[in-house]
Structures are given as structure tokens and as C-alpha cells.
C-alpha atoms as a PDB file:
ATOM      1  CA  MET A   1     137.575 118.467  25.179  1.00  0.00           C
ATOM      2  CA  LEU A   2     138.702 121.675  26.833  1.00  0.00           C
ATOM      3  CA  GLY A   3     138.045 125.146  25.499  1.00  0.00           C
ATOM      4  CA  PRO A   4     140.735 127.823  25.107  1.00  0.00           C
ATOM      5  CA  VAL A   5     140.365 129.177  28.638  1.00  0.00           C
ATOM      6  CA  GLU A   6     140.175 125.775  30.345  1.00  0.00           C
ATOM      7  CA  SER A   7     143.338 124.653  28.591  1.00  0.00           C
ATOM      8  CA  LEU A   8     145.178 127.532  30.295  1.00  0.00           C
ATOM      9  CA  ILE A   9     144.696 125.764  33.627  1.00  0.00           C
ATOM     10  CA  PRO A  10     147.608 123.453  33.002  1.00  0.00           C
ATOM     11  CA  PRO A  11     148.790 120.306  34.696  1.00  0.00           C
ATOM     12  CA  PRO A  12     151.552 120.921  37.260  1.00  0.00           C
ATOM     13  CA  ASN A  13     154.361 120.216  34.800  1.00  0.00           C
ATOM     14  CA  ALA A  14     153.145 123.028  32.531  1.00  0.00           C
ATOM     15  CA  TRP A  15     152.409 125.681  35.143  1.00  0.00           C
ATOM     16  CA  ILE A  16     155.924 127.131  34.968  1.00  0.00           C
ATOM     17  CA  SER A  17     155.597 127.631  31.232  1.00  0.00           C
ATOM     18  CA  VAL A  18     152.229 129.374  31.442  1.00  0.00           C
ATOM     19  CA  THR A  19     153.306 131.662  34.276  1.00  0.00           C
ATOM     20  CA  ALA A  20     156.520 132.516  32.402  1.00  0.00           C
ATOM     21  CA  LEU A  21     154.496 133.401  29.300  1.00  0.00           C
ATOM     22  CA  GLN A  22     152.533 135.816  31.437  1.00  0.00           C
ATOM     23  CA  ARG A  23     155.470 137.167  33.435  1.00  0.00           C
ATOM     24  CA  PHE A  24     157.449 138.086  30.318  1.00  0.00           C
ATOM     25  CA  GLY A  25     154.421 139.207  28.302  1.00  0.00           C
ATOM     26  CA  ILE A  26     155.021 136.686  25.542  1.00  0.00           C
ATOM     27  CA  ALA A  27     151.346 136.325  24.599  1.00  0.00           C
ATOM     28  CA  ASN A  28     151.126 140.111  24.281  1.00  0.00           C
ATOM     29  CA  SER A  29     154.374 140.482  22.344  1.00  0.00           C
ATOM     30  CA  PHE A  30     152.647 140.373  18.951  1.00  0.00           C
ATOM     31  CA  PRO A  31     149.065 140.909  17.760  1.00  0.00           C
ATOM     32  CA  SER A  32     146.809 137.870  17.662  1.00  0.00           C
ATOM     33  CA  THR A  33     146.164 138.472  13.961  1.00  0.00           C
ATOM     34  CA  ARG A  34     149.856 138.261  13.026  1.00  0.00           C
ATOM     35  CA  THR A  35     152.729 135.835  13.295  1.00  0.00           C
ATOM     36  CA  SER A  36     156.142 136.512  14.762  1.00  0.00           C
ATOM     37  CA  ALA A  37     159.580 134.913  14.955  1.00  0.00           C
ATOM     38  CA  PHE A  38     161.543 133.844  18.022  1.00  0.00           C
ATOM     39  CA  PRO A  39     164.116 136.695  17.738  1.00  0.00           C
ATOM     40  CA  GLU A  40     161.373 139.345  17.525  1.00  0.00           C
ATOM     41  CA  ILE A  41     159.501 137.898  20.500  1.00  0.00           C
ATOM     42  CA  ALA A  42     162.706 137.644  22.530  1.00  0.00           C
ATOM     43  CA  GLN A  43     163.631 141.244  21.772  1.00  0.00           C
ATOM     44  CA  THR A  44     160.143 142.556  22.590  1.00  0.00           C
ATOM     45  CA  CYS A  45     160.094 140.623  25.878  1.00  0.00           C
ATOM     46  CA  SER A  46     163.736 141.404  26.776  1.00  0.00           C
ATOM     47  CA  ILE A  47     164.696 137.763  27.217  1.00  0.00           C
ATOM     48  CA  PRO A  48     167.341 135.635  25.482  1.00  0.00           C
ATOM     49  CA  LYS A  49     166.218 134.051  22.218  1.00  0.00           C
ATOM     50  CA  SER A  50     166.962 130.549  23.529  1.00  0.00           C
ATOM     51  CA  ASN A  51     164.689 131.134  26.536  1.00  0.00           C
ATOM     52  CA  ALA A  52     161.886 132.466  24.346  1.00  0.00           C
ATOM     53  CA  ARG A  53     162.190 129.436  22.081  1.00  0.00           C
ATOM     54  CA  SER A  54     162.153 126.979  25.004  1.00  0.00           C
ATOM     55  CA  LEU A  55     159.201 128.608  26.764  1.00  0.00           C
ATOM     56  CA  ILE A  56     157.112 128.881  23.617  1.00  0.00           C
ATOM     57  CA  ARG A  57     157.871 125.348  22.446  1.00  0.00           C
ATOM     58  CA  HIS A  58     156.968 123.993  25.871  1.00  0.00           C
ATOM     59  CA  ALA A  59     153.710 125.957  25.742  1.00  0.00           C
ATOM     60  CA  MET A  60     153.035 124.534  22.266  1.00  0.00           C
ATOM     61  CA  SER A  61     152.956 121.059  23.771  1.00  0.00           C
ATOM     62  CA  PHE A  62     149.816 122.258  25.599  1.00  0.00           C
ATOM     63  CA  TYR A  63     148.318 123.899  22.467  1.00  0.00           C
ATOM     64  CA  ILE A  64     149.311 127.407  23.516  1.00  0.00           C
ATOM     65  CA  PHE A  65     150.806 128.928  20.335  1.00  0.00           C
ATOM     66  CA  TYR A  66     151.688 126.952  17.240  1.00  0.00           C
ATOM     67  CA  GLU A  67     154.422 127.015  14.616  1.00  0.00           C
ATOM     68  CA  PRO A  68     152.881 127.254  11.123  1.00  0.00           C
ATOM     69  CA  SER A  69     156.358 127.150   9.590  1.00  0.00           C
ATOM     70  CA  PRO A  70     159.805 126.671  11.153  1.00  0.00           C
ATOM     71  CA  GLY A  71     160.657 129.540  13.494  1.00  0.00           C
ATOM     72  CA  ILE A  72     157.367 131.368  12.930  1.00  0.00           C
ATOM     73  CA  ILE A  73     154.936 131.548  15.844  1.00  0.00           C
ATOM     74  CA  ALA A  74     151.191 132.123  15.673  1.00  0.00           C
ATOM     75  CA  HIS A  75     148.481 132.407  18.285  1.00  0.00           C
ATOM     76  CA  THR A  76     146.013 129.670  19.138  1.00  0.00           C
ATOM     77  CA  ALA A  77     142.679 130.276  20.848  1.00  0.00           C
ATOM     78  CA  SER A  78     144.404 129.680  24.197  1.00  0.00           C
ATOM     79  CA  SER A  79     147.227 132.161  23.628  1.00  0.00           C
ATOM     80  CA  LYS A  80     144.690 134.708  22.364  1.00  0.00           C
ATOM     81  CA  ALA A  81     142.697 134.239  25.579  1.00  0.00           C
ATOM     82  CA  LEU A  82     145.866 134.723  27.612  1.00  0.00           C
ATOM     83  CA  ALA A  83     146.612 137.951  25.746  1.00  0.00           C
ATOM     84  CA  GLU A  84     143.125 139.391  25.331  1.00  0.00           C
ATOM     85  CA  VAL A  85     140.850 138.216  28.161  1.00  0.00           C
ATOM     86  CA  PRO A  86     141.775 140.152  31.341  1.00  0.00           C
ATOM     87  CA  PRO A  87     140.253 137.690  33.852  1.00  0.00           C
ATOM     88  CA  VAL A  88     142.332 134.894  32.313  1.00  0.00           C
ATOM     89  CA  SER A  89     145.606 136.783  32.540  1.00  0.00           C
ATOM     90  CA  ASP A  90     144.742 137.959  36.068  1.00  0.00           C
ATOM     91  CA  PHE A  91     144.119 134.355  37.137  1.00  0.00           C
ATOM     92  CA  ILE A  92     147.472 133.176  35.759  1.00  0.00           C
ATOM     93  CA  VAL A  93     149.365 135.891  37.665  1.00  0.00           C
ATOM     94  CA  LEU A  94     147.938 134.763  41.027  1.00  0.00           C
END
């Protein structure tokens, strides 16, 4: 079983999703103690709502973010690490 940081080192088919999360600041778009909705995240990150939804749902397939109710997004340990642990976010940007 992988921990939250190790799960951020994705298989090749997920790398685009993780780097996009970092590039657009999606993990930092709302506090780790709150939830948010796709339109709010899209507006904060200045990307189309459909792109935000696709990127986040793809990331969810790797346990980065989760959807506690339809359209509402919450952090997982992995998305919190991406947002709050500088060495993790620095590694993803490489």
C-alpha cells in the first residue's frame, strides 16, 4: 500500500493529470479543510469548468481528491500533500 506522497508518483497514464493539477493550482484552489464545487475550482484556476471536471475526475481514479456528493470535491491525503508539502509540489513541477 502506498502512502499519500508515494501515490503522487503516478503511472505514465496519470502523469498528465498530476502535472495539470499542479500547473493550474487545482490542489491549492480551496483549503484542505473545506470542500468545493467544479465551477468554483474552475473560476479560481481560470480554466473552463469542463476541463476542471475532467482533470479532477481523472485524478480521482488515482485517489487524488474525492467526490463526497455529486459535484462536490474534497481533498484526500494525496491532494493535501500536493497542496501543502513543498518538496512534493516541487517534485511534480520538474
